[in-house]
Amino acid sequence: MKIARFEFSLFGINTYAVFDPATRECAIIDPGMSSEPERKAIEHFITDNGLTLTHIINTHLHIDHAIGNSWLKSHFPAPVEAHEADLPLGSRMMEQAAMFGIPIDTEAVVIDRPLHNGDSIKIGHGTLEVIHVPGHSKGSIALYDKADGFLISGDALFAGSVGRTDLPGGNGSQLIDSITTRLLTLPPDTVVYPGHGPATTIGHEAATNPFLH
């Protein structure tokens, strides 16, 4: 599968489009669009490339990763998929906006398809495997494409860092355990696409990430 990255203004969130170039089926992961130009960027990418949106996936339900859910679903109907342990976060989107001083009205997230560790998400001929990595939030997940050798890590693992654990549902020791037992066990050349910042690899983070040593 192919992957495209969009960086949007709300906390520098990385939104990803993952698509099968043969069938043109597409998933949008962590819709972080909070302005009209950002929404148009996603709209034009889908329509200009002749893609059919079949999945809206949240790696977790902090506001920067889910603020674009409602708009996206209203324009390109597809199920919203996330881990059910993050439902309390999804129901408090307005509270999250207020906590971060974001002057935006946003709707609560309704999960149409709850995801669990080990689930498979089909995108055309491709597959994303769901890996539950709690610690940044209770329902944080990563998405692994074994065939194409990449991982979308959400806010669990970053280049040279890991996700913050001081927000509701965070747990520092649980996060480190999730990363070491469920992510660092992937092949070292696996490309990691995080929720913020540049891409890295599993091998590089295993060897150099100061939070993992």
N, C-alpha and C. Protein backbone atom coordinates (compact mmCIF):
# COMPACT_ATOMS: atom_id res chain seq x y z
N MET A 1 0.83 -1.19 0.00
CA MET A 1 0.00 0.00 0.00
C MET A 1 0.88 1.25 0.00
N LYS A 2 0.28 2.34 -0.41
CA LYS A 2 0.96 3.63 -0.44
C LYS A 2 0.48 4.47 0.74
N ILE A 3 1.34 5.39 1.16
CA ILE A 3 0.99 6.26 2.28
C ILE A 3 1.35 7.70 1.94
N ALA A 4 0.47 8.62 2.31
CA ALA A 4 0.70 10.04 2.13
C ALA A 4 0.50 10.72 3.47
N ARG A 5 1.35 11.71 3.77
CA ARG A 5 1.30 12.41 5.05
C ARG A 5 0.88 13.86 4.86
N PHE A 6 0.00 14.34 5.74
CA PHE A 6 -0.40 15.74 5.80
C PHE A 6 -0.09 16.24 7.20
N GLU A 7 0.56 17.38 7.32
CA GLU A 7 0.80 17.97 8.63
C GLU A 7 -0.12 19.16 8.81
N PHE A 8 -0.96 19.11 9.84
CA PHE A 8 -1.94 20.15 10.07
C PHE A 8 -1.61 20.95 11.32
N SER A 9 -2.23 22.12 11.42
CA SER A 9 -1.77 23.14 12.36
C SER A 9 -2.05 22.82 13.81
N LEU A 10 -3.07 22.03 14.10
CA LEU A 10 -3.42 21.76 15.48
C LEU A 10 -2.37 20.84 16.11
N PHE A 11 -1.43 21.43 16.82
CA PHE A 11 -0.32 20.71 17.47
C PHE A 11 0.58 19.98 16.47
N GLY A 12 0.61 20.42 15.22
CA GLY A 12 1.45 19.77 14.23
C GLY A 12 1.10 18.31 14.01
N ILE A 13 -0.18 18.01 13.97
CA ILE A 13 -0.65 16.63 13.85
C ILE A 13 -0.37 16.08 12.45
N ASN A 14 0.13 14.85 12.41
CA ASN A 14 0.27 14.14 11.14
C ASN A 14 -0.99 13.34 10.87
N THR A 15 -1.65 13.65 9.77
CA THR A 15 -2.77 12.87 9.27
C THR A 15 -2.27 12.05 8.09
N TYR A 16 -2.65 10.78 8.04
CA TYR A 16 -2.14 9.89 6.99
C TYR A 16 -3.28 9.38 6.11
N ALA A 17 -3.01 9.28 4.82
CA ALA A 17 -3.87 8.56 3.88
C ALA A 17 -3.12 7.31 3.47
N VAL A 18 -3.74 6.16 3.68
CA VAL A 18 -3.17 4.87 3.27
C VAL A 18 -4.11 4.30 2.21
N PHE A 19 -3.56 3.94 1.06
CA PHE A 19 -4.44 3.50 -0.02
C PHE A 19 -3.80 2.40 -0.85
N ASP A 20 -4.66 1.60 -1.46
CA ASP A 20 -4.25 0.56 -2.39
C ASP A 20 -4.30 1.15 -3.79
N PRO A 21 -3.17 1.30 -4.47
CA PRO A 21 -3.19 1.94 -5.80
C PRO A 21 -3.93 1.12 -6.85
N ALA A 22 -4.13 -0.17 -6.59
CA ALA A 22 -4.84 -1.01 -7.56
C ALA A 22 -6.35 -0.83 -7.47
N THR A 23 -6.90 -0.89 -6.25
CA THR A 23 -8.35 -0.80 -6.08
C THR A 23 -8.81 0.62 -5.79
N ARG A 24 -7.89 1.51 -5.41
CA ARG A 24 -8.17 2.91 -5.05
C ARG A 24 -8.95 3.03 -3.74
N GLU A 25 -9.02 1.97 -2.96
CA GLU A 25 -9.61 2.08 -1.62
C GLU A 25 -8.62 2.79 -0.70
N CYS A 26 -9.18 3.56 0.25
CA CYS A 26 -8.34 4.45 1.05
C CYS A 26 -8.84 4.51 2.49
N ALA A 27 -7.89 4.66 3.41
CA ALA A 27 -8.21 4.98 4.81
C ALA A 27 -7.56 6.31 5.16
N ILE A 28 -8.27 7.13 5.89
CA ILE A 28 -7.68 8.33 6.48
C ILE A 28 -7.49 8.05 7.96
N ILE A 29 -6.26 8.26 8.43
CA ILE A 29 -5.90 7.94 9.80
C ILE A 29 -5.60 9.22 10.55
N ASP A 30 -6.29 9.41 11.67
CA ASP A 30 -6.15 10.59 12.52
C ASP A 30 -6.48 11.89 11.79
N PRO A 31 -7.75 12.08 11.42
CA PRO A 31 -8.15 13.30 10.71
C PRO A 31 -7.98 14.53 11.61
N GLY A 32 -6.93 15.31 11.35
CA GLY A 32 -6.61 16.45 12.20
C GLY A 32 -6.94 17.78 11.59
N MET A 33 -7.83 17.79 10.60
CA MET A 33 -8.14 19.04 9.91
C MET A 33 -9.02 19.93 10.79
N SER A 34 -8.58 21.17 11.02
CA SER A 34 -9.36 22.09 11.85
C SER A 34 -9.65 23.41 11.15
N SER A 35 -9.36 23.50 9.87
CA SER A 35 -9.64 24.72 9.11
C SER A 35 -10.10 24.34 7.71
N GLU A 36 -10.72 25.30 7.03
CA GLU A 36 -11.22 25.01 5.68
C GLU A 36 -10.10 24.63 4.72
N PRO A 37 -8.95 25.32 4.69
CA PRO A 37 -7.87 24.89 3.79
C PRO A 37 -7.39 23.47 4.08
N GLU A 38 -7.34 23.09 5.34
CA GLU A 38 -6.91 21.73 5.67
C GLU A 38 -7.94 20.70 5.23
N ARG A 39 -9.20 21.01 5.41
CA ARG A 39 -10.24 20.09 4.94
C ARG A 39 -10.21 19.96 3.42
N LYS A 40 -9.97 21.07 2.74
CA LYS A 40 -9.89 21.03 1.28
C LYS A 40 -8.70 20.20 0.81
N ALA A 41 -7.59 20.23 1.56
CA ALA A 41 -6.42 19.44 1.18
C ALA A 41 -6.75 17.96 1.17
N ILE A 42 -7.48 17.49 2.18
CA ILE A 42 -7.88 16.08 2.23
C ILE A 42 -8.90 15.78 1.14
N GLU A 43 -9.87 16.68 0.97
CA GLU A 43 -10.90 16.47 -0.04
C GLU A 43 -10.28 16.36 -1.43
N HIS A 44 -9.36 17.26 -1.76
CA HIS A 44 -8.74 17.23 -3.08
C HIS A 44 -7.88 16.00 -3.27
N PHE A 45 -7.19 15.57 -2.21
CA PHE A 45 -6.37 14.36 -2.34
C PHE A 45 -7.24 13.16 -2.68
N ILE A 46 -8.37 13.03 -2.00
CA ILE A 46 -9.25 11.88 -2.26
C ILE A 46 -9.85 11.96 -3.66
N THR A 47 -10.40 13.11 -4.01
CA THR A 47 -11.10 13.21 -5.29
C THR A 47 -10.12 13.24 -6.47
N ASP A 48 -9.01 13.97 -6.34
CA ASP A 48 -8.06 14.08 -7.45
C ASP A 48 -7.40 12.75 -7.78
N ASN A 49 -7.29 11.88 -6.78
CA ASN A 49 -6.67 10.58 -7.00
C ASN A 49 -7.68 9.47 -7.23
N GLY A 50 -8.96 9.84 -7.33
CA GLY A 50 -10.00 8.85 -7.62
C GLY A 50 -10.12 7.79 -6.55
N LEU A 51 -9.95 8.19 -5.28
CA LEU A 51 -9.98 7.24 -4.18
C LEU A 51 -11.39 7.10 -3.60
N THR A 52 -11.66 5.93 -3.04
CA THR A 52 -12.89 5.68 -2.30
C THR A 52 -12.53 5.50 -0.84
N LEU A 53 -13.06 6.37 0.01
CA LEU A 53 -12.75 6.27 1.44
C LEU A 53 -13.56 5.14 2.05
N THR A 54 -12.87 4.16 2.63
CA THR A 54 -13.55 3.01 3.23
C THR A 54 -13.36 2.93 4.74
N HIS A 55 -12.41 3.71 5.29
CA HIS A 55 -12.16 3.67 6.73
C HIS A 55 -11.74 5.06 7.22
N ILE A 56 -12.27 5.46 8.36
CA ILE A 56 -11.77 6.61 9.12
C ILE A 56 -11.26 6.03 10.44
N ILE A 57 -9.95 6.10 10.65
CA ILE A 57 -9.34 5.41 11.79
C ILE A 57 -8.66 6.42 12.70
N ASN A 58 -8.91 6.28 14.00
CA ASN A 58 -8.22 7.10 15.01
C ASN A 58 -7.27 6.21 15.80
N THR A 59 -5.99 6.60 15.86
CA THR A 59 -5.06 5.85 16.70
C THR A 59 -5.39 6.07 18.18
N HIS A 60 -6.01 7.20 18.49
CA HIS A 60 -6.56 7.46 19.82
C HIS A 60 -7.45 8.69 19.68
N LEU A 61 -8.14 9.04 20.76
CA LEU A 61 -9.18 10.05 20.63
C LEU A 61 -8.87 11.35 21.37
N HIS A 62 -7.60 11.74 21.39
CA HIS A 62 -7.28 13.12 21.75
C HIS A 62 -7.73 14.04 20.62
N ILE A 63 -8.07 15.25 20.95
CA ILE A 63 -8.77 16.13 20.02
C ILE A 63 -7.99 16.38 18.73
N ASP A 64 -6.65 16.48 18.81
CA ASP A 64 -5.91 16.79 17.59
C ASP A 64 -5.95 15.65 16.59
N HIS A 65 -6.21 14.45 17.04
CA HIS A 65 -6.25 13.29 16.15
C HIS A 65 -7.66 12.97 15.66
N ALA A 66 -8.67 13.65 16.18
CA ALA A 66 -10.04 13.29 15.84
C ALA A 66 -10.92 14.48 15.50
N ILE A 67 -10.36 15.68 15.49
CA ILE A 67 -11.20 16.87 15.29
C ILE A 67 -11.85 16.91 13.91
N GLY A 68 -11.24 16.23 12.93
CA GLY A 68 -11.79 16.23 11.58
C GLY A 68 -12.73 15.08 11.28
N ASN A 69 -13.01 14.23 12.27
CA ASN A 69 -13.85 13.05 12.03
C ASN A 69 -15.22 13.39 11.45
N SER A 70 -15.93 14.31 12.11
CA SER A 70 -17.31 14.59 11.71
C SER A 70 -17.38 15.14 10.30
N TRP A 71 -16.49 16.10 9.99
CA TRP A 71 -16.50 16.66 8.64
C TRP A 71 -16.19 15.59 7.61
N LEU A 72 -15.19 14.77 7.89
CA LEU A 72 -14.79 13.75 6.92
C LEU A 72 -15.92 12.76 6.67
N LYS A 73 -16.56 12.30 7.74
CA LYS A 73 -17.63 11.32 7.58
C LYS A 73 -18.83 11.92 6.85
N SER A 74 -19.09 13.21 7.04
CA SER A 74 -20.24 13.84 6.37
C SER A 74 -19.99 14.01 4.88
N HIS A 75 -18.74 14.10 4.47
CA HIS A 75 -18.42 14.30 3.06
C HIS A 75 -18.06 13.00 2.34
N PHE A 76 -17.48 12.06 3.06
CA PHE A 76 -17.08 10.78 2.48
C PHE A 76 -17.50 9.68 3.45
N PRO A 77 -18.78 9.29 3.41
CA PRO A 77 -19.29 8.36 4.43
C PRO A 77 -18.46 7.08 4.53
N ALA A 78 -17.96 6.85 5.72
CA ALA A 78 -17.17 5.66 6.02
C ALA A 78 -17.23 5.48 7.53
N PRO A 79 -17.07 4.26 8.02
CA PRO A 79 -17.14 4.05 9.47
C PRO A 79 -15.95 4.64 10.20
N VAL A 80 -16.22 5.18 11.39
CA VAL A 80 -15.17 5.64 12.29
C VAL A 80 -14.73 4.45 13.14
N GLU A 81 -13.42 4.21 13.17
CA GLU A 81 -12.88 3.04 13.85
C GLU A 81 -11.83 3.49 14.86
N ALA A 82 -11.95 3.00 16.09
CA ALA A 82 -11.01 3.32 17.16
C ALA A 82 -11.18 2.28 18.25
N HIS A 83 -10.23 2.25 19.18
CA HIS A 83 -10.32 1.31 20.29
C HIS A 83 -11.37 1.81 21.29
N GLU A 84 -12.22 0.90 21.75
CA GLU A 84 -13.33 1.30 22.60
C GLU A 84 -12.88 1.83 23.96
N ALA A 85 -11.65 1.53 24.37
CA ALA A 85 -11.17 2.06 25.65
C ALA A 85 -11.01 3.57 25.63
N ASP A 86 -11.01 4.17 24.46
CA ASP A 86 -10.92 5.62 24.35
C ASP A 86 -12.28 6.30 24.21
N LEU A 87 -13.35 5.55 24.36
CA LEU A 87 -14.68 6.16 24.27
C LEU A 87 -14.87 7.33 25.24
N PRO A 88 -14.38 7.25 26.47
CA PRO A 88 -14.55 8.42 27.36
C PRO A 88 -13.89 9.68 26.81
N LEU A 89 -12.74 9.54 26.14
CA LEU A 89 -12.11 10.70 25.51
C LEU A 89 -12.97 11.21 24.36
N GLY A 90 -13.48 10.31 23.56
CA GLY A 90 -14.30 10.70 22.41
C GLY A 90 -15.57 11.42 22.80
N SER A 91 -16.11 11.08 23.96
CA SER A 91 -17.35 11.72 24.41
C SER A 91 -17.11 13.11 24.99
N ARG A 92 -15.83 13.44 25.23
CA ARG A 92 -15.51 14.73 25.85
C ARG A 92 -14.69 15.62 24.93
N MET A 93 -15.03 15.66 23.68
CA MET A 93 -14.28 16.47 22.73
C MET A 93 -14.38 17.96 23.05
N MET A 94 -15.55 18.43 23.44
CA MET A 94 -15.69 19.84 23.79
C MET A 94 -14.87 20.19 25.03
N GLU A 95 -14.85 19.29 26.00
CA GLU A 95 -14.03 19.51 27.19
C GLU A 95 -12.54 19.55 26.84
N GLN A 96 -12.13 18.68 25.91
CA GLN A 96 -10.75 18.70 25.47
C GLN A 96 -10.41 20.02 24.79
N ALA A 97 -11.33 20.50 23.96
CA ALA A 97 -11.10 21.78 23.28
C ALA A 97 -10.92 22.90 24.30
N ALA A 98 -11.76 22.91 25.32
CA ALA A 98 -11.66 23.94 26.34
C ALA A 98 -10.36 23.82 27.13
N MET A 99 -9.95 22.59 27.42
CA MET A 99 -8.73 22.37 28.21
C MET A 99 -7.50 22.92 27.49
N PHE A 100 -7.49 22.80 26.16
CA PHE A 100 -6.35 23.28 25.39
C PHE A 100 -6.56 24.69 24.83
N GLY A 101 -7.68 25.32 25.18
CA GLY A 101 -7.94 26.68 24.72
C GLY A 101 -8.20 26.77 23.23
N ILE A 102 -8.83 25.72 22.67
CA ILE A 102 -9.12 25.69 21.23
C ILE A 102 -10.52 26.22 21.01
N PRO A 103 -10.68 27.36 20.32
CA PRO A 103 -12.01 27.96 20.15
C PRO A 103 -12.77 27.34 18.99
N ILE A 104 -13.02 26.04 19.07
CA ILE A 104 -13.67 25.32 17.99
C ILE A 104 -14.79 24.47 18.56
N ASP A 105 -15.97 24.54 17.95
CA ASP A 105 -17.04 23.62 18.31
C ASP A 105 -16.78 22.28 17.62
N THR A 106 -16.84 21.21 18.38
CA THR A 106 -16.59 19.90 17.80
C THR A 106 -17.53 18.88 18.43
N GLU A 107 -17.89 17.89 17.65
CA GLU A 107 -18.85 16.90 18.11
C GLU A 107 -18.15 15.74 18.81
N ALA A 108 -18.89 15.09 19.70
CA ALA A 108 -18.39 13.88 20.32
C ALA A 108 -18.13 12.82 19.24
N VAL A 109 -17.12 12.00 19.47
CA VAL A 109 -16.80 10.93 18.52
C VAL A 109 -17.65 9.71 18.83
N VAL A 110 -18.31 9.21 17.82
CA VAL A 110 -19.04 7.95 17.91
C VAL A 110 -18.24 6.89 17.16
N ILE A 111 -17.89 5.81 17.83
CA ILE A 111 -17.12 4.74 17.19
C ILE A 111 -18.09 3.77 16.52
N ASP A 112 -18.00 3.68 15.21
CA ASP A 112 -18.86 2.76 14.46
C ASP A 112 -18.34 1.33 14.49
N ARG A 113 -17.01 1.19 14.49
CA ARG A 113 -16.40 -0.13 14.56
C ARG A 113 -15.32 -0.12 15.64
N PRO A 114 -15.59 -0.74 16.80
CA PRO A 114 -14.55 -0.80 17.83
C PRO A 114 -13.40 -1.71 17.38
N LEU A 115 -12.18 -1.26 17.63
CA LEU A 115 -11.00 -2.02 17.25
C LEU A 115 -10.37 -2.66 18.49
N HIS A 116 -9.72 -3.81 18.27
CA HIS A 116 -9.08 -4.55 19.34
C HIS A 116 -7.72 -5.04 18.86
N ASN A 117 -6.85 -5.34 19.82
CA ASN A 117 -5.53 -5.86 19.47
C ASN A 117 -5.65 -7.10 18.59
N GLY A 118 -4.91 -7.10 17.49
CA GLY A 118 -4.92 -8.24 16.58
C GLY A 118 -5.93 -8.16 15.46
N ASP A 119 -6.82 -7.17 15.49
CA ASP A 119 -7.78 -7.01 14.39
C ASP A 119 -7.04 -6.70 13.08
N SER A 120 -7.66 -7.07 11.97
CA SER A 120 -7.14 -6.75 10.64
C SER A 120 -8.08 -5.78 9.95
N ILE A 121 -7.53 -4.74 9.36
CA ILE A 121 -8.30 -3.76 8.60
C ILE A 121 -7.90 -3.91 7.15
N LYS A 122 -8.86 -4.29 6.31
CA LYS A 122 -8.59 -4.49 4.88
C LYS A 122 -8.79 -3.17 4.13
N ILE A 123 -7.78 -2.82 3.34
CA ILE A 123 -7.85 -1.65 2.46
C ILE A 123 -7.49 -2.16 1.07
N GLY A 124 -8.50 -2.44 0.26
CA GLY A 124 -8.23 -3.09 -1.02
C GLY A 124 -7.58 -4.44 -0.78
N HIS A 125 -6.41 -4.64 -1.42
CA HIS A 125 -5.67 -5.89 -1.23
C HIS A 125 -4.72 -5.83 -0.04
N GLY A 126 -4.64 -4.68 0.61
CA GLY A 126 -3.71 -4.51 1.72
C GLY A 126 -4.37 -4.71 3.06
N THR A 127 -3.53 -4.85 4.08
CA THR A 127 -4.02 -5.10 5.44
C THR A 127 -3.22 -4.29 6.44
N LEU A 128 -3.93 -3.64 7.35
CA LEU A 128 -3.32 -3.04 8.52
C LEU A 128 -3.68 -3.88 9.74
N GLU A 129 -2.67 -4.26 10.51
CA GLU A 129 -2.90 -4.99 11.76
C GLU A 129 -2.97 -4.01 12.91
N VAL A 130 -3.98 -4.17 13.76
CA VAL A 130 -4.16 -3.31 14.93
C VAL A 130 -3.30 -3.83 16.07
N ILE A 131 -2.46 -2.95 16.63
CA ILE A 131 -1.64 -3.28 17.79
C ILE A 131 -2.04 -2.33 18.92
N HIS A 132 -2.58 -2.86 20.00
CA HIS A 132 -2.99 -2.04 21.13
C HIS A 132 -1.75 -1.64 21.92
N VAL A 133 -1.53 -0.34 22.06
CA VAL A 133 -0.34 0.17 22.76
C VAL A 133 -0.77 1.19 23.82
N PRO A 134 -1.46 0.76 24.87
CA PRO A 134 -1.92 1.71 25.89
C PRO A 134 -0.75 2.35 26.61
N GLY A 135 -1.02 3.52 27.15
CA GLY A 135 -0.02 4.26 27.90
C GLY A 135 -0.13 5.75 27.66
N HIS A 136 -0.19 6.16 26.40
CA HIS A 136 -0.48 7.56 26.09
C HIS A 136 -1.95 7.83 26.36
N SER A 137 -2.80 6.91 25.96
CA SER A 137 -4.19 6.86 26.37
C SER A 137 -4.54 5.39 26.54
N LYS A 138 -5.67 5.11 27.16
CA LYS A 138 -6.03 3.71 27.41
C LYS A 138 -6.29 2.95 26.12
N GLY A 139 -6.78 3.65 25.10
CA GLY A 139 -7.14 2.97 23.86
C GLY A 139 -6.19 3.22 22.71
N SER A 140 -5.00 3.70 22.97
CA SER A 140 -4.05 3.98 21.88
C SER A 140 -3.74 2.71 21.09
N ILE A 141 -3.69 2.86 19.78
CA ILE A 141 -3.33 1.75 18.90
C ILE A 141 -2.26 2.21 17.91
N ALA A 142 -1.53 1.24 17.37
CA ALA A 142 -0.66 1.45 16.22
C ALA A 142 -1.18 0.56 15.10
N LEU A 143 -0.82 0.88 13.89
CA LEU A 143 -1.31 0.18 12.70
C LEU A 143 -0.13 -0.29 11.88
N TYR A 144 -0.02 -1.62 11.69
CA TYR A 144 1.16 -2.23 11.08
C TYR A 144 0.83 -2.83 9.73
N ASP A 145 1.54 -2.41 8.71
CA ASP A 145 1.46 -3.00 7.38
C ASP A 145 2.69 -3.89 7.21
N LYS A 146 2.51 -5.17 7.47
CA LYS A 146 3.63 -6.11 7.40
C LYS A 146 4.17 -6.23 5.98
N ALA A 147 3.28 -6.27 5.00
CA ALA A 147 3.70 -6.48 3.61
C ALA A 147 4.57 -5.34 3.11
N ASP A 148 4.24 -4.12 3.50
CA ASP A 148 4.97 -2.96 3.00
C ASP A 148 5.95 -2.39 4.02
N GLY A 149 6.00 -2.99 5.20
CA GLY A 149 7.05 -2.65 6.16
C GLY A 149 6.93 -1.29 6.80
N PHE A 150 5.70 -0.88 7.15
CA PHE A 150 5.58 0.39 7.87
C PHE A 150 4.59 0.28 9.02
N LEU A 151 4.75 1.18 9.97
CA LEU A 151 3.93 1.25 11.17
C LEU A 151 3.48 2.68 11.37
N ILE A 152 2.19 2.89 11.58
CA ILE A 152 1.67 4.19 12.00
C ILE A 152 1.49 4.10 13.50
N SER A 153 2.31 4.87 14.23
CA SER A 153 2.44 4.64 15.66
C SER A 153 1.59 5.56 16.53
N GLY A 154 0.81 6.47 15.92
CA GLY A 154 0.04 7.39 16.73
C GLY A 154 0.96 8.20 17.63
N ASP A 155 0.54 8.39 18.89
CA ASP A 155 1.37 9.15 19.83
C ASP A 155 2.06 8.23 20.83
N ALA A 156 2.28 6.97 20.44
CA ALA A 156 3.03 6.06 21.32
C ALA A 156 4.53 6.29 21.15
N LEU A 157 5.00 6.19 19.92
CA LEU A 157 6.44 6.24 19.64
C LEU A 157 6.73 7.33 18.62
N PHE A 158 7.72 8.18 18.94
CA PHE A 158 8.17 9.24 18.04
C PHE A 158 9.64 9.05 17.72
N ALA A 159 10.14 9.83 16.77
CA ALA A 159 11.58 9.87 16.52
C ALA A 159 12.27 10.49 17.71
N GLY A 160 13.00 9.70 18.47
CA GLY A 160 13.73 10.19 19.61
C GLY A 160 12.91 10.47 20.85
N SER A 161 11.67 10.05 20.88
CA SER A 161 10.82 10.35 22.03
C SER A 161 9.67 9.35 22.10
N VAL A 162 8.84 9.53 23.12
CA VAL A 162 7.62 8.72 23.28
C VAL A 162 6.49 9.67 23.65
N GLY A 163 5.27 9.16 23.66
CA GLY A 163 4.13 9.99 23.95
C GLY A 163 4.08 10.47 25.38
N ARG A 164 3.46 11.61 25.59
CA ARG A 164 3.29 12.14 26.94
C ARG A 164 2.28 11.28 27.69
N THR A 165 2.42 11.23 29.00
CA THR A 165 1.55 10.37 29.80
C THR A 165 0.88 11.14 30.94
N ASP A 166 0.89 12.48 30.85
CA ASP A 166 0.31 13.30 31.90
C ASP A 166 -1.12 13.74 31.61
N LEU A 167 -1.70 13.21 30.53
CA LEU A 167 -3.09 13.51 30.21
C LEU A 167 -3.98 12.38 30.74
N PRO A 168 -5.29 12.61 30.85
CA PRO A 168 -6.19 11.57 31.37
C PRO A 168 -6.02 10.25 30.60
N GLY A 169 -5.86 9.16 31.37
CA GLY A 169 -5.68 7.85 30.76
C GLY A 169 -4.24 7.48 30.52
N GLY A 170 -3.31 8.41 30.77
CA GLY A 170 -1.90 8.14 30.53
C GLY A 170 -1.27 7.32 31.65
N ASN A 171 -0.27 6.53 31.30
CA ASN A 171 0.45 5.71 32.27
C ASN A 171 1.84 5.45 31.73
N GLY A 172 2.86 6.02 32.38
CA GLY A 172 4.21 5.99 31.85
C GLY A 172 4.79 4.59 31.74
N SER A 173 4.69 3.81 32.80
CA SER A 173 5.27 2.46 32.76
C SER A 173 4.54 1.58 31.77
N GLN A 174 3.24 1.77 31.66
CA GLN A 174 2.46 0.99 30.69
C GLN A 174 2.86 1.34 29.26
N LEU A 175 3.13 2.61 29.00
CA LEU A 175 3.54 3.02 27.66
C LEU A 175 4.87 2.39 27.28
N ILE A 176 5.84 2.45 28.16
CA ILE A 176 7.14 1.86 27.85
C ILE A 176 7.01 0.36 27.63
N ASP A 177 6.19 -0.30 28.45
CA ASP A 177 5.97 -1.74 28.25
C ASP A 177 5.31 -2.01 26.91
N SER A 178 4.33 -1.20 26.53
CA SER A 178 3.66 -1.38 25.24
C SER A 178 4.65 -1.25 24.09
N ILE A 179 5.51 -0.24 24.16
CA ILE A 179 6.47 -0.01 23.09
C ILE A 179 7.48 -1.15 23.01
N THR A 180 8.02 -1.55 24.15
CA THR A 180 9.10 -2.55 24.12
C THR A 180 8.59 -3.93 23.77
N THR A 181 7.38 -4.28 24.20
CA THR A 181 6.89 -5.63 23.96
C THR A 181 6.09 -5.77 22.67
N ARG A 182 5.54 -4.68 22.17
CA ARG A 182 4.66 -4.80 21.01
C ARG A 182 5.15 -4.06 19.76
N LEU A 183 6.04 -3.08 19.93
CA LEU A 183 6.53 -2.35 18.77
C LEU A 183 7.99 -2.67 18.45
N LEU A 184 8.84 -2.67 19.44
CA LEU A 184 10.26 -2.93 19.19
C LEU A 184 10.53 -4.36 18.77
N THR A 185 9.54 -5.22 18.87
CA THR A 185 9.67 -6.60 18.41
C THR A 185 9.43 -6.73 16.90
N LEU A 186 9.00 -5.65 16.26
CA LEU A 186 8.81 -5.66 14.80
C LEU A 186 10.18 -5.62 14.12
N PRO A 187 10.26 -5.96 12.82
CA PRO A 187 11.56 -5.93 12.13
C PRO A 187 12.22 -4.56 12.24
N PRO A 188 13.56 -4.52 12.43
CA PRO A 188 14.26 -3.25 12.64
C PRO A 188 14.09 -2.25 11.50
N ASP A 189 13.90 -2.74 10.26
CA ASP A 189 13.79 -1.82 9.13
C ASP A 189 12.36 -1.31 8.93
N THR A 190 11.46 -1.65 9.83
CA THR A 190 10.09 -1.13 9.75
C THR A 190 10.11 0.39 9.86
N VAL A 191 9.52 1.08 8.88
CA VAL A 191 9.43 2.54 8.91
C VAL A 191 8.30 2.94 9.85
N VAL A 192 8.59 3.86 10.75
CA VAL A 192 7.61 4.33 11.73
C VAL A 192 7.13 5.72 11.33
N TYR A 193 5.82 5.84 11.14
CA TYR A 193 5.19 7.13 10.85
C TYR A 193 4.42 7.56 12.11
N PRO A 194 4.95 8.52 12.86
CA PRO A 194 4.32 8.90 14.13
C PRO A 194 3.22 9.95 13.97
N GLY A 195 2.54 10.20 15.10
CA GLY A 195 1.47 11.19 15.09
C GLY A 195 1.95 12.62 14.99
N HIS A 196 3.21 12.86 15.32
CA HIS A 196 3.81 14.18 15.22
C HIS A 196 5.27 13.99 14.84
N GLY A 197 5.79 14.89 14.03
CA GLY A 197 7.21 14.85 13.71
C GLY A 197 7.57 13.91 12.58
N PRO A 198 8.89 13.75 12.35
CA PRO A 198 9.36 13.00 11.18
C PRO A 198 9.29 11.49 11.37
N ALA A 199 9.42 10.78 10.26
CA ALA A 199 9.45 9.32 10.29
C ALA A 199 10.78 8.83 10.86
N THR A 200 10.78 7.59 11.31
CA THR A 200 11.98 6.96 11.84
C THR A 200 11.88 5.47 11.53
N THR A 201 12.68 4.64 12.17
CA THR A 201 12.56 3.19 12.02
C THR A 201 12.58 2.54 13.39
N ILE A 202 12.06 1.34 13.45
CA ILE A 202 12.07 0.58 14.70
C ILE A 202 13.50 0.37 15.17
N GLY A 203 14.39 -0.01 14.27
CA GLY A 203 15.77 -0.27 14.65
C GLY A 203 16.46 0.96 15.22
N HIS A 204 16.22 2.11 14.60
CA HIS A 204 16.85 3.35 15.08
C HIS A 204 16.36 3.69 16.48
N GLU A 205 15.06 3.55 16.70
CA GLU A 205 14.52 3.89 18.03
C GLU A 205 14.97 2.89 19.08
N ALA A 206 15.05 1.61 18.72
CA ALA A 206 15.51 0.60 19.66
C ALA A 206 16.94 0.87 20.11
N ALA A 207 17.74 1.42 19.19
CA ALA A 207 19.16 1.66 19.48
C ALA A 207 19.44 2.99 20.15
N THR A 208 18.62 4.01 19.86
CA THR A 208 19.00 5.37 20.25
C THR A 208 17.98 6.13 21.08
N ASN A 209 16.72 5.70 21.14
CA ASN A 209 15.69 6.49 21.81
C ASN A 209 15.99 6.56 23.30
N PRO A 210 16.26 7.75 23.85
CA PRO A 210 16.69 7.86 25.24
C PRO A 210 15.62 7.45 26.24
N PHE A 211 14.36 7.46 25.84
CA PHE A 211 13.27 7.09 26.74
C PHE A 211 13.10 5.58 26.89
N LEU A 212 13.81 4.83 26.04
CA LEU A 212 13.68 3.37 26.04
C LEU A 212 14.90 2.68 26.63
N HIS A 213 15.79 3.46 27.24
CA HIS A 213 17.02 2.88 27.80
C HIS A 213 17.25 3.38 29.22
